[in-house]
C-alpha atoms as a PDB file:
ATOM      1  CA  UNK A   1       0.000   0.000   0.000  1.00  0.00           C
ATOM      2  CA  UNK A   2       1.320   3.449  -0.951  1.00  0.00           C
ATOM      3  CA  UNK A   3       0.403   6.254   1.412  1.00  0.00           C
ATOM      4  CA  UNK A   4       0.620   9.979   0.655  1.00  0.00           C
ATOM      5  CA  UNK A   5       1.218  12.183   3.699  1.00  0.00           C
ATOM      6  CA  UNK A   6       0.530  15.911   3.539  1.00  0.00           C
ATOM      7  CA  UNK A   7       3.427  17.897   5.013  1.00  0.00           C
ATOM      8  CA  UNK A   8       2.375  20.841   7.167  1.00  0.00           C
ATOM      9  CA  UNK A   9       4.906  23.676   6.913  1.00  0.00           C
ATOM     10  CA  UNK A  10       5.374  27.448   6.626  1.00  0.00           C
ATOM     11  CA  UNK A  11       7.430  27.309   3.393  1.00  0.00           C
ATOM     12  CA  UNK A  12      10.644  27.300   5.412  1.00  0.00           C
ATOM     13  CA  UNK A  13      10.242  24.670   8.112  1.00  0.00           C
ATOM     14  CA  UNK A  14       8.289  21.434   8.512  1.00  0.00           C
ATOM     15  CA  UNK A  15       5.863  21.282  11.459  1.00  0.00           C
ATOM     16  CA  UNK A  16       6.148  18.557  14.113  1.00  0.00           C
ATOM     17  CA  UNK A  17       2.570  17.400  13.511  1.00  0.00           C
ATOM     18  CA  UNK A  18       3.720  15.882  10.212  1.00  0.00           C
ATOM     19  CA  UNK A  19       6.097  13.502  11.982  1.00  0.00           C
ATOM     20  CA  UNK A  20       3.304  11.758  13.894  1.00  0.00           C
ATOM     21  CA  UNK A  21       1.374  11.387  10.639  1.00  0.00           C
ATOM     22  CA  UNK A  22       4.432   9.758   9.037  1.00  0.00           C
ATOM     23  CA  UNK A  23       4.599   7.226  11.884  1.00  0.00           C
ATOM     24  CA  UNK A  24       0.925   6.349  11.373  1.00  0.00           C
ATOM     25  CA  UNK A  25       1.376   6.096   7.600  1.00  0.00           C
ATOM     26  CA  UNK A  26       4.393   3.802   7.981  1.00  0.00           C
ATOM     27  CA  UNK A  27       2.094   1.216   9.562  1.00  0.00           C
ATOM     28  CA  UNK A  28       0.136   1.066   6.296  1.00  0.00           C
ATOM     29  CA  UNK A  29       3.065   0.559   3.917  1.00  0.00           C
ATOM     30  CA  UNK A  30       5.270   2.684   1.686  1.00  0.00           C
ATOM     31  CA  UNK A  31       5.339   6.360   2.706  1.00  0.00           C
ATOM     32  CA  UNK A  32       5.404   9.250   0.232  1.00  0.00           C
ATOM     33  CA  UNK A  33       5.210  12.888   1.312  1.00  0.00           C
ATOM     34  CA  UNK A  34       3.601  15.873  -0.396  1.00  0.00           C
ATOM     35  CA  UNK A  35       5.162  19.301   0.068  1.00  0.00           C
ATOM     36  CA  UNK A  36       2.889  21.926  -1.511  1.00  0.00           C
ATOM     37  CA  UNK A  37       3.968  25.523  -1.163  1.00  0.00           C
ATOM     38  CA  UNK A  38       5.860  28.416  -2.705  1.00  0.00           C
ATOM     39  CA  UNK A  39       9.653  28.530  -2.444  1.00  0.00           C
ATOM     40  CA  UNK A  40       9.446  25.349  -0.375  1.00  0.00           C
ATOM     41  CA  UNK A  41      12.571  23.565  -1.638  1.00  0.00           C
ATOM     42  CA  UNK A  42      14.146  23.687   1.833  1.00  0.00           C
ATOM     43  CA  UNK A  43      11.098  21.970   3.337  1.00  0.00           C
ATOM     44  CA  UNK A  44      11.330  19.231   0.701  1.00  0.00           C
ATOM     45  CA  UNK A  45      14.953  18.592   1.670  1.00  0.00           C
ATOM     46  CA  UNK A  46      13.967  18.356   5.340  1.00  0.00           C
ATOM     47  CA  UNK A  47      11.129  15.995   4.446  1.00  0.00           C
ATOM     48  CA  UNK A  48      13.410  13.726   2.417  1.00  0.00           C
ATOM     49  CA  UNK A  49      15.540  13.138   5.534  1.00  0.00           C
ATOM     50  CA  UNK A  50      12.617  11.890   7.643  1.00  0.00           C
ATOM     51  CA  UNK A  51      13.129   8.237   8.561  1.00  0.00           C
ATOM     52  CA  UNK A  52      11.003   5.811   6.548  1.00  0.00           C
ATOM     53  CA  UNK A  53      10.144   8.168   3.684  1.00  0.00           C
ATOM     54  CA  UNK A  54      10.553   6.747   0.184  1.00  0.00           C
ATOM     55  CA  UNK A  55       9.622   9.730  -1.978  1.00  0.00           C
ATOM     56  CA  UNK A  56       8.813  13.426  -1.598  1.00  0.00           C
ATOM     57  CA  UNK A  57       6.465  15.035  -4.135  1.00  0.00           C
ATOM     58  CA  UNK A  58       7.028  18.788  -4.385  1.00  0.00           C
ATOM     59  CA  UNK A  59       4.442  21.164  -5.840  1.00  0.00           C
ATOM     60  CA  UNK A  60       6.095  24.598  -5.881  1.00  0.00           C
ATOM     61  CA  UNK A  61       3.525  27.137  -7.006  1.00  0.00           C
ATOM     62  CA  UNK A  62       2.303  30.495  -5.708  1.00  0.00           C
ATOM     63  CA  UNK A  63      -1.202  28.978  -5.511  1.00  0.00           C
ATOM     64  CA  UNK A  64      -0.050  26.717  -2.664  1.00  0.00           C
ATOM     65  CA  UNK A  65       1.849  29.397  -0.702  1.00  0.00           C
ATOM     66  CA  UNK A  66      -0.756  29.600   2.083  1.00  0.00           C
ATOM     67  CA  UNK A  67      -2.070  26.021   1.911  1.00  0.00           C
ATOM     68  CA  UNK A  68      -5.551  27.088   0.852  1.00  0.00           C
ATOM     69  CA  UNK A  69      -7.598  23.897   1.004  1.00  0.00           C
ATOM     70  CA  UNK A  70      -9.501  24.740  -2.182  1.00  0.00           C
ATOM     71  CA  UNK A  71      -6.212  24.683  -4.122  1.00  0.00           C
ATOM     72  CA  UNK A  72      -4.400  21.856  -2.305  1.00  0.00           C
ATOM     73  CA  UNK A  73      -7.261  19.312  -2.320  1.00  0.00           C
ATOM     74  CA  UNK A  74      -7.446  18.933  -6.155  1.00  0.00           C
ATOM     75  CA  UNK A  75      -3.665  18.457  -6.234  1.00  0.00           C
ATOM     76  CA  UNK A  76      -3.925  15.665  -3.660  1.00  0.00           C
ATOM     77  CA  UNK A  77      -6.866  14.070  -5.473  1.00  0.00           C
ATOM     78  CA  UNK A  78      -4.812  13.944  -8.694  1.00  0.00           C
ATOM     79  CA  UNK A  79      -1.899  12.272  -6.894  1.00  0.00           C
ATOM     80  CA  UNK A  80      -4.238   9.706  -5.340  1.00  0.00           C
ATOM     81  CA  UNK A  81      -4.340   7.943  -8.705  1.00  0.00           C
ATOM     82  CA  UNK A  82      -0.991   6.439  -7.683  1.00  0.00           C
ATOM     83  CA  UNK A  83      -1.618   6.103  -3.950  1.00  0.00           C
ATOM     84  CA  UNK A  84      -3.926   4.000  -1.810  1.00  0.00           C
ATOM     85  CA  UNK A  85      -4.272   6.291   1.207  1.00  0.00           C
ATOM     86  CA  UNK A  86      -4.005   9.992   2.043  1.00  0.00           C
ATOM     87  CA  UNK A  87      -2.922  10.885   5.570  1.00  0.00           C
ATOM     88  CA  UNK A  88      -2.927  14.348   7.152  1.00  0.00           C
ATOM     89  CA  UNK A  89      -2.262  15.485  10.726  1.00  0.00           C
ATOM     90  CA  UNK A  90      -5.469  16.436  12.548  1.00  0.00           C
ATOM     91  CA  UNK A  91      -4.456  20.093  12.784  1.00  0.00           C
ATOM     92  CA  UNK A  92      -6.597  23.065  11.782  1.00  0.00           C
ATOM     93  CA  UNK A  93      -5.193  23.026   8.252  1.00  0.00           C
ATOM     94  CA  UNK A  94      -5.117  19.238   7.927  1.00  0.00           C
ATOM     95  CA  UNK A  95      -8.770  19.048   8.960  1.00  0.00           C
ATOM     96  CA  UNK A  96      -9.540  21.672   6.326  1.00  0.00           C
ATOM     97  CA  UNK A  97      -7.876  19.814   3.453  1.00  0.00           C
ATOM     98  CA  UNK A  98      -8.728  16.160   4.157  1.00  0.00           C
ATOM     99  CA  UNK A  99     -12.559  16.386   3.933  1.00  0.00           C
ATOM    100  CA  UNK A 100     -12.275  18.099   0.554  1.00  0.00           C
ATOM    101  CA  UNK A 101      -9.987  15.328  -0.682  1.00  0.00           C
ATOM    102  CA  UNK A 102     -12.475  12.722   0.573  1.00  0.00           C
ATOM    103  CA  UNK A 103     -15.316  14.504  -1.241  1.00  0.00           C
ATOM    104  CA  UNK A 104     -13.347  14.672  -4.508  1.00  0.00           C
ATOM    105  CA  UNK A 105     -12.582  10.948  -4.234  1.00  0.00           C
ATOM    106  CA  UNK A 106     -16.157  10.154  -3.098  1.00  0.00           C
ATOM    107  CA  UNK A 107     -15.001   8.212  -0.035  1.00  0.00           C
ATOM    108  CA  UNK A 108     -15.648   8.407   3.706  1.00  0.00           C
ATOM    109  CA  UNK A 109     -12.981  10.115   5.792  1.00  0.00           C
ATOM    110  CA  UNK A 110     -11.688   8.390   8.937  1.00  0.00           C
ATOM    111  CA  UNK A 111     -10.947  11.175  11.399  1.00  0.00           C
ATOM    112  CA  UNK A 112      -8.552  11.591  14.301  1.00  0.00           C
ATOM    113  CA  UNK A 113      -7.227   8.022  14.410  1.00  0.00           C
ATOM    114  CA  UNK A 114      -5.493   6.754  17.553  1.00  0.00           C
ATOM    115  CA  UNK A 115      -4.018   3.533  16.163  1.00  0.00           C
ATOM    116  CA  UNK A 116      -3.691   1.408  13.041  1.00  0.00           C
ATOM    117  CA  UNK A 117      -5.132  -2.058  13.658  1.00  0.00           C
ATOM    118  CA  UNK A 118      -4.957  -3.382  10.104  1.00  0.00           C
ATOM    119  CA  UNK A 119      -4.683  -2.349   6.462  1.00  0.00           C
ATOM    120  CA  UNK A 120      -8.106  -0.691   6.615  1.00  0.00           C
ATOM    121  CA  UNK A 121      -8.908  -0.900  10.332  1.00  0.00           C
ATOM    122  CA  UNK A 122      -8.336   1.909  12.821  1.00  0.00           C
ATOM    123  CA  UNK A 123      -9.376   3.160  16.258  1.00  0.00           C
ATOM    124  CA  UNK A 124     -10.718   6.661  16.832  1.00  0.00           C
ATOM    125  CA  UNK A 125     -12.346   8.503  19.756  1.00  0.00           C
ATOM    126  CA  UNK A 126     -16.090   9.139  19.926  1.00  0.00           C
ATOM    127  CA  UNK A 127     -18.277  10.841  22.540  1.00  0.00           C
ATOM    128  CA  UNK A 128     -15.511  13.349  23.396  1.00  0.00           C
ATOM    129  CA  UNK A 129     -13.058  10.524  23.936  1.00  0.00           C
ATOM    130  CA  UNK A 130     -15.216   8.629  26.425  1.00  0.00           C
ATOM    131  CA  UNK A 131     -15.374   5.667  24.043  1.00  0.00           C
ATOM    132  CA  UNK A 132     -12.969   4.345  21.431  1.00  0.00           C
ATOM    133  CA  UNK A 133     -14.475   3.004  18.221  1.00  0.00           C
ATOM    134  CA  UNK A 134     -12.779   0.449  15.981  1.00  0.00           C
ATOM    135  CA  UNK A 135     -13.689   1.215  12.379  1.00  0.00           C
ATOM    136  CA  UNK A 136     -13.007  -0.621   9.138  1.00  0.00           C
ATOM    137  CA  UNK A 137     -13.201   1.083   5.761  1.00  0.00           C
ATOM    138  CA  UNK A 138     -14.638  -0.573   2.669  1.00  0.00           C
ATOM    139  CA  UNK A 139     -13.516   2.230   0.324  1.00  0.00           C
ATOM    140  CA  UNK A 140     -10.904   1.618  -2.357  1.00  0.00           C
ATOM    141  CA  UNK A 141      -9.021   4.760  -1.275  1.00  0.00           C
ATOM    142  CA  UNK A 142      -8.481   5.878   2.311  1.00  0.00           C
ATOM    143  CA  UNK A 143      -8.523   9.449   3.626  1.00  0.00           C
ATOM    144  CA  UNK A 144      -7.304   9.678   7.209  1.00  0.00           C
ATOM    145  CA  UNK A 145      -6.468  12.367   9.777  1.00  0.00           C
ATOM    146  CA  UNK A 146      -4.114  11.477  12.616  1.00  0.00           C
ATOM    147  CA  UNK A 147      -4.244  12.628  16.241  1.00  0.00           C
ATOM    148  CA  UNK A 148      -0.662  13.782  16.787  1.00  0.00           C
ATOM    149  CA  UNK A 149      -0.525  12.871  20.473  1.00  0.00           C
ATOM    150  CA  UNK A 150      -1.381   9.213  19.766  1.00  0.00           C
ATOM    151  CA  UNK A 151       1.734   8.408  17.701  1.00  0.00           C
ATOM    152  CA  UNK A 152       5.449   8.837  18.295  1.00  0.00           C
ATOM    153  CA  UNK A 153       7.176  11.378  16.073  1.00  0.00           C
ATOM    154  CA  UNK A 154       9.232   9.927  13.228  1.00  0.00           C
ATOM    155  CA  UNK A 155      12.957  10.689  13.352  1.00  0.00           C
ATOM    156  CA  UNK A 156      13.953  13.770  11.361  1.00  0.00           C
ATOM    157  CA  UNK A 157      17.248  12.187  10.302  1.00  0.00           C
ATOM    158  CA  UNK A 158      18.162   8.902   8.693  1.00  0.00           C
ATOM    159  CA  UNK A 159      15.862   8.983   5.684  1.00  0.00           C
ATOM    160  CA  UNK A 160      16.964   9.208   2.075  1.00  0.00           C
ATOM    161  CA  UNK A 161      13.778   9.876   0.122  1.00  0.00           C
ATOM    162  CA  UNK A 162      13.943  10.950  -3.501  1.00  0.00           C
ATOM    163  CA  UNK A 163      12.520  14.364  -4.411  1.00  0.00           C
ATOM    164  CA  UNK A 164      10.193  14.587  -7.390  1.00  0.00           C
ATOM    165  CA  UNK A 165       8.528  17.727  -8.775  1.00  0.00           C
ATOM    166  CA  UNK A 166       4.790  17.521  -9.454  1.00  0.00           C
ATOM    167  CA  UNK A 167       2.269  20.040 -10.731  1.00  0.00           C
ATOM    168  CA  UNK A 168      -1.410  20.555 -10.156  1.00  0.00           C
ATOM    169  CA  UNK A 169      -4.175  22.754 -11.443  1.00  0.00           C
ATOM    170  CA  UNK A 170      -2.876  25.684  -9.400  1.00  0.00           C
ATOM    171  CA  UNK A 171      -5.322  28.351  -8.299  1.00  0.00           C
ATOM    172  CA  UNK A 172      -8.873  27.011  -8.315  1.00  0.00           C
ATOM    173  CA  UNK A 173     -10.236  30.551  -8.062  1.00  0.00           C
ATOM    174  CA  UNK A 174     -12.529  29.633  -5.169  1.00  0.00           C
ATOM    175  CA  UNK A 175     -10.705  31.474  -2.399  1.00  0.00           C
ATOM    176  CA  UNK A 176      -7.864  33.916  -1.878  1.00  0.00           C
ATOM    177  CA  UNK A 177      -5.467  34.664   0.955  1.00  0.00           C
ATOM    178  CA  UNK A 178      -6.145  38.072   2.522  1.00  0.00           C
ATOM    179  CA  UNK A 179      -4.055  38.257   5.681  1.00  0.00           C
ATOM    180  CA  UNK A 180      -2.883  36.341   8.726  1.00  0.00           C
ATOM    181  CA  UNK A 181      -2.530  37.556  12.294  1.00  0.00           C
ATOM    182  CA  UNK A 182       0.035  35.234  13.831  1.00  0.00           C
ATOM    183  CA  UNK A 183       0.635  35.446  17.576  1.00  0.00           C
ATOM    184  CA  UNK A 184       4.323  35.618  18.408  1.00  0.00           C
ATOM    185  CA  UNK A 185       5.467  34.072  21.685  1.00  0.00           C
ATOM    186  CA  UNK A 186       8.728  32.994  23.238  1.00  0.00           C
ATOM    187  CA  UNK A 187       6.856  30.189  24.982  1.00  0.00           C
ATOM    188  CA  UNK A 188       6.776  26.684  23.527  1.00  0.00           C
ATOM    189  CA  UNK A 189       3.818  25.989  21.235  1.00  0.00           C
ATOM    190  CA  UNK A 190       1.077  24.141  23.102  1.00  0.00           C
ATOM    191  CA  UNK A 191       1.066  20.980  21.005  1.00  0.00           C
ATOM    192  CA  UNK A 192       4.841  20.530  21.423  1.00  0.00           C
ATOM    193  CA  UNK A 193       5.345  21.838  24.994  1.00  0.00           C
ATOM    194  CA  UNK A 194       6.665  19.377  27.584  1.00  0.00           C
ATOM    195  CA  UNK A 195       5.002  21.273  30.440  1.00  0.00           C
ATOM    196  CA  UNK A 196       1.691  23.140  30.224  1.00  0.00           C
ATOM    197  CA  UNK A 197       0.068  25.335  32.864  1.00  0.00           C
ATOM    198  CA  UNK A 198      -3.648  25.859  32.192  1.00  0.00           C
ATOM    199  CA  UNK A 199      -6.149  28.124  33.871  1.00  0.00           C
ATOM    200  CA  UNK A 200      -9.922  28.035  34.048  1.00  0.00           C
ATOM    201  CA  UNK A 201     -12.955  30.196  34.694  1.00  0.00           C
ATOM    202  CA  UNK A 202     -12.086  30.473  38.410  1.00  0.00           C
ATOM    203  CA  UNK A 203      -9.355  32.996  37.557  1.00  0.00           C
ATOM    204  CA  UNK A 204     -12.030  35.718  37.261  1.00  0.00           C
ATOM    205  CA  UNK A 205     -10.523  37.961  34.550  1.00  0.00           C
ATOM    206  CA  UNK A 206      -7.578  38.420  32.181  1.00  0.00           C
ATOM    207  CA  UNK A 207      -5.516  40.433  34.683  1.00  0.00           C
ATOM    208  CA  UNK A 208      -5.876  37.776  37.380  1.00  0.00           C
ATOM    209  CA  UNK A 209      -5.080  35.040  34.849  1.00  0.00           C
ATOM    210  CA  UNK A 210      -1.872  36.871  33.954  1.00  0.00           C
ATOM    211  CA  UNK A 211      -0.903  37.460  37.593  1.00  0.00           C
ATOM    212  CA  UNK A 212      -1.469  33.866  38.714  1.00  0.00           C
ATOM    213  CA  UNK A 213      -0.635  31.661  35.714  1.00  0.00           C
ATOM    214  CA  UNK A 214       2.183  33.505  33.951  1.00  0.00           C
ATOM    215  CA  UNK A 215       4.752  33.582  36.837  1.00  0.00           C
ATOM    216  CA  UNK A 216       4.332  29.815  37.378  1.00  0.00           C
ATOM    217  CA  UNK A 217       4.667  29.114  33.651  1.00  0.00           C
ATOM    218  CA  UNK A 218       7.784  31.314  33.530  1.00  0.00           C
ATOM    219  CA  UNK A 219       9.403  29.373  36.378  1.00  0.00           C
ATOM    220  CA  UNK A 220       8.664  26.045  34.642  1.00  0.00           C
ATOM    221  CA  UNK A 221       9.423  27.184  31.077  1.00  0.00           C
ATOM    222  CA  UNK A 222       5.917  26.004  30.263  1.00  0.00           C
ATOM    223  CA  UNK A 223       3.320  26.688  27.616  1.00  0.00           C
ATOM    224  CA  UNK A 224       0.108  28.375  28.767  1.00  0.00           C
ATOM    225  CA  UNK A 225      -3.275  26.819  28.123  1.00  0.00           C
ATOM    226  CA  UNK A 226      -6.843  27.542  29.128  1.00  0.00           C
ATOM    227  CA  UNK A 227     -10.247  25.939  29.355  1.00  0.00           C
ATOM    228  CA  UNK A 228     -12.981  26.860  26.917  1.00  0.00           C
ATOM    229  CA  UNK A 229     -14.781  28.760  29.681  1.00  0.00           C
ATOM    230  CA  UNK A 230     -11.722  30.965  30.248  1.00  0.00           C
ATOM    231  CA  UNK A 231     -11.363  31.629  26.527  1.00  0.00           C
ATOM    232  CA  UNK A 232     -15.070  32.362  26.065  1.00  0.00           C
ATOM    233  CA  UNK A 233     -14.903  34.793  28.999  1.00  0.00           C
ATOM    234  CA  UNK A 234     -12.114  36.658  27.226  1.00  0.00           C
ATOM    235  CA  UNK A 235      -9.328  35.953  29.734  1.00  0.00           C
ATOM    236  CA  UNK A 236      -6.963  34.762  26.967  1.00  0.00           C
ATOM    237  CA  UNK A 237      -6.944  34.375  23.148  1.00  0.00           C
ATOM    238  CA  UNK A 238      -8.583  31.286  21.639  1.00  0.00           C
ATOM    239  CA  UNK A 239      -5.229  29.815  20.523  1.00  0.00           C
ATOM    240  CA  UNK A 240      -4.672  29.013  24.230  1.00  0.00           C
ATOM    241  CA  UNK A 241      -7.715  26.724  24.333  1.00  0.00           C
ATOM    242  CA  UNK A 242      -7.153  23.083  25.231  1.00  0.00           C
ATOM    243  CA  UNK A 243      -9.981  20.638  24.620  1.00  0.00           C
ATOM    244  CA  UNK A 244     -12.179  18.933  22.083  1.00  0.00           C
ATOM    245  CA  UNK A 245     -12.792  22.217  20.264  1.00  0.00           C
ATOM    246  CA  UNK A 246      -9.285  23.518  20.978  1.00  0.00           C
ATOM    247  CA  UNK A 247      -5.881  21.874  20.926  1.00  0.00           C
ATOM    248  CA  UNK A 248      -5.208  18.238  21.793  1.00  0.00           C
ATOM    249  CA  UNK A 249      -2.091  18.029  23.970  1.00  0.00           C
ATOM    250  CA  UNK A 250      -0.116  15.307  25.732  1.00  0.00           C
ATOM    251  CA  UNK A 251       2.774  16.960  27.596  1.00  0.00           C
ATOM    252  CA  UNK A 252       5.001  15.349  30.218  1.00  0.00           C
ATOM    253  CA  UNK A 253       3.282  17.508  32.877  1.00  0.00           C
ATOM    254  CA  UNK A 254      -0.113  19.209  32.674  1.00  0.00           C
ATOM    255  CA  UNK A 255      -1.064  21.544  35.523  1.00  0.00           C
ATOM    256  CA  UNK A 256      -4.779  22.399  35.628  1.00  0.00           C
ATOM    257  CA  UNK A 257      -5.529  25.402  37.838  1.00  0.00           C
ATOM    258  CA  UNK A 258      -9.119  26.353  38.600  1.00  0.00           C
ATOM    259  CA  UNK A 259     -10.414  23.990  35.919  1.00  0.00           C
ATOM    260  CA  UNK A 260     -13.408  21.843  36.868  1.00  0.00           C
ATOM    261  CA  UNK A 261     -12.707  19.221  34.218  1.00  0.00           C
ATOM    262  CA  UNK A 262     -15.648  19.253  31.838  1.00  0.00           C
ATOM    263  CA  UNK A 263     -15.677  16.422  29.294  1.00  0.00           C
ATOM    264  CA  UNK A 264     -14.804  18.902  26.543  1.00  0.00           C
ATOM    265  CA  UNK A 265     -11.582  19.870  28.317  1.00  0.00           C
ATOM    266  CA  UNK A 266     -10.612  16.360  29.419  1.00  0.00           C
ATOM    267  CA  UNK A 267     -10.798  15.193  25.784  1.00  0.00           C
ATOM    268  CA  UNK A 268      -7.908  17.515  24.980  1.00  0.00           C
ATOM    269  CA  UNK A 269      -5.466  16.687  27.790  1.00  0.00           C
ATOM    270  CA  UNK A 270      -6.191  13.357  29.453  1.00  0.00           C
ATOM    271  CA  UNK A 271      -3.326  11.636  27.592  1.00  0.00           C
ATOM    272  CA  UNK A 272      -0.810  13.828  29.441  1.00  0.00           C
ATOM    273  CA  UNK A 273       1.858  11.781  31.241  1.00  0.00           C
ATOM    274  CA  UNK A 274       1.332  13.470  34.634  1.00  0.00           C
ATOM    275  CA  UNK A 275      -1.736  15.571  35.470  1.00  0.00           C
ATOM    276  CA  UNK A 276      -1.667  17.943  38.447  1.00  0.00           C
ATOM    277  CA  UNK A 277      -4.920  19.609  39.473  1.00  0.00           C
ATOM    278  CA  UNK A 278      -5.481  22.526  41.862  1.00  0.00           C
ATOM    279  CA  UNK A 279      -9.110  23.267  42.667  1.00  0.00           C
ATOM    280  CA  UNK A 280     -11.011  24.197  45.818  1.00  0.00           C
ATOM    281  CA  UNK A 281     -13.933  21.905  44.880  1.00  0.00           C
ATOM    282  CA  UNK A 282     -12.978  18.412  46.008  1.00  0.00           C
ATOM    283  CA  UNK A 283     -15.736  16.931  43.824  1.00  0.00           C
ATOM    284  CA  UNK A 284     -14.449  18.533  40.613  1.00  0.00           C
ATOM    285  CA  UNK A 285     -14.282  15.950  37.766  1.00  0.00           C
ATOM    286  CA  UNK A 286     -10.659  16.931  37.045  1.00  0.00           C
ATOM    287  CA  UNK A 287      -9.587  14.975  40.159  1.00  0.00           C
ATOM    288  CA  UNK A 288     -10.820  11.735  38.567  1.00  0.00           C
ATOM    289  CA  UNK A 289      -8.057  11.914  35.941  1.00  0.00           C
ATOM    290  CA  UNK A 290      -5.410  13.745  37.989  1.00  0.00           C
ATOM    291  CA  UNK A 291      -2.290  11.931  39.173  1.00  0.00           C
ATOM    292  CA  UNK A 292      -1.773  14.590  41.846  1.00  0.00           C
ATOM    293  CA  UNK A 293      -4.656  16.624  43.230  1.00  0.00           C
ATOM    294  CA  UNK A 294      -4.558  19.587  45.609  1.00  0.00           C
ATOM    295  CA  UNK A 295      -7.821  20.796  47.141  1.00  0.00           C
ATOM    296  CA  UNK A 296      -7.002  24.414  47.892  1.00  0.00           C
ATOM    297  CA  UNK A 297      -7.730  28.036  47.074  1.00  0.00           C
ATOM    298  CA  UNK A 298      -5.693  28.634  43.917  1.00  0.00           C
ATOM    299  CA  UNK A 299      -5.139  32.300  44.835  1.00  0.00           C
ATOM    300  CA  UNK A 300      -3.124  31.166  47.860  1.00  0.00           C
ATOM    301  CA  UNK A 301      -1.674  27.876  46.640  1.00  0.00           C
ATOM    302  CA  UNK A 302      -0.347  28.919  43.238  1.00  0.00           C
ATOM    303  CA  UNK A 303       1.631  32.020  44.336  1.00  0.00           C
ATOM    304  CA  UNK A 304       3.083  29.952  47.194  1.00  0.00           C
ATOM    305  CA  UNK A 305       4.061  27.181  44.774  1.00  0.00           C
ATOM    306  CA  UNK A 306       5.593  29.718  42.375  1.00  0.00           C
ATOM    307  CA  UNK A 307       7.593  31.313  45.168  1.00  0.00           C
ATOM    308  CA  UNK A 308       9.075  27.984  46.284  1.00  0.00           C
ATOM    309  CA  UNK A 309      10.180  26.900  42.814  1.00  0.00           C
END
């Protein structure tokens, strides 16, 4: 089976999410990568070095500069004539492209897989992760998105894939890139951070969130996350949100402060290696998944913890 993996990148560097998708694809058979972008030759060279990659298809065209799904999907669909499966990381962009590819191929997409059980059999979460479904596809072609936290990242060195230029239809004329507002931060990106400190609705407002969470995160060199309630209340931007409708994370340490532990939030962080919860409500659902739980007033406990670090 030949599998085509979409490489997520910014035209200069490959994103980590791709590496988990490569690991998943390697369980299906031969792995080919697709680098679609503008001036993306450097990314193609990085991709060719990824362990287990046999070939890298490069589509270098201004139409693919911003990975607009309306332009990328027809390119992928064309390449699927020589591939049996298309795999994309379950990121915002990957989840934008894959359904369009599935529609063009007239097949069912298998979303957010957790494991590969057979050539066409996979597991995926349902009911916000409270149940795991085993699904088997009967389609001739597979379209799959991969939950990045469920698979190890493929090694970025050791591969010797061949690079091959390909071309597509280019600009489909259905959408155009207008602008992007990209938040700049010295902190590690949430999906790749080893330690995450998250705050919830109990932090009252954005100023309090900053005063309580930020010093602790600074001491730990951690990424900062938040519950949906905190984001909806305007304490922090929505790119901080962890959960089913936010980012799925699995750091070494996840510290949940003032977060009750609604199902929506737990779906995004319960695979963390060690979960530490601080909440004054001893019946909060977060304590059911926490490895270490502290029943205390966060406004006293967290500054004290920060001071002693």
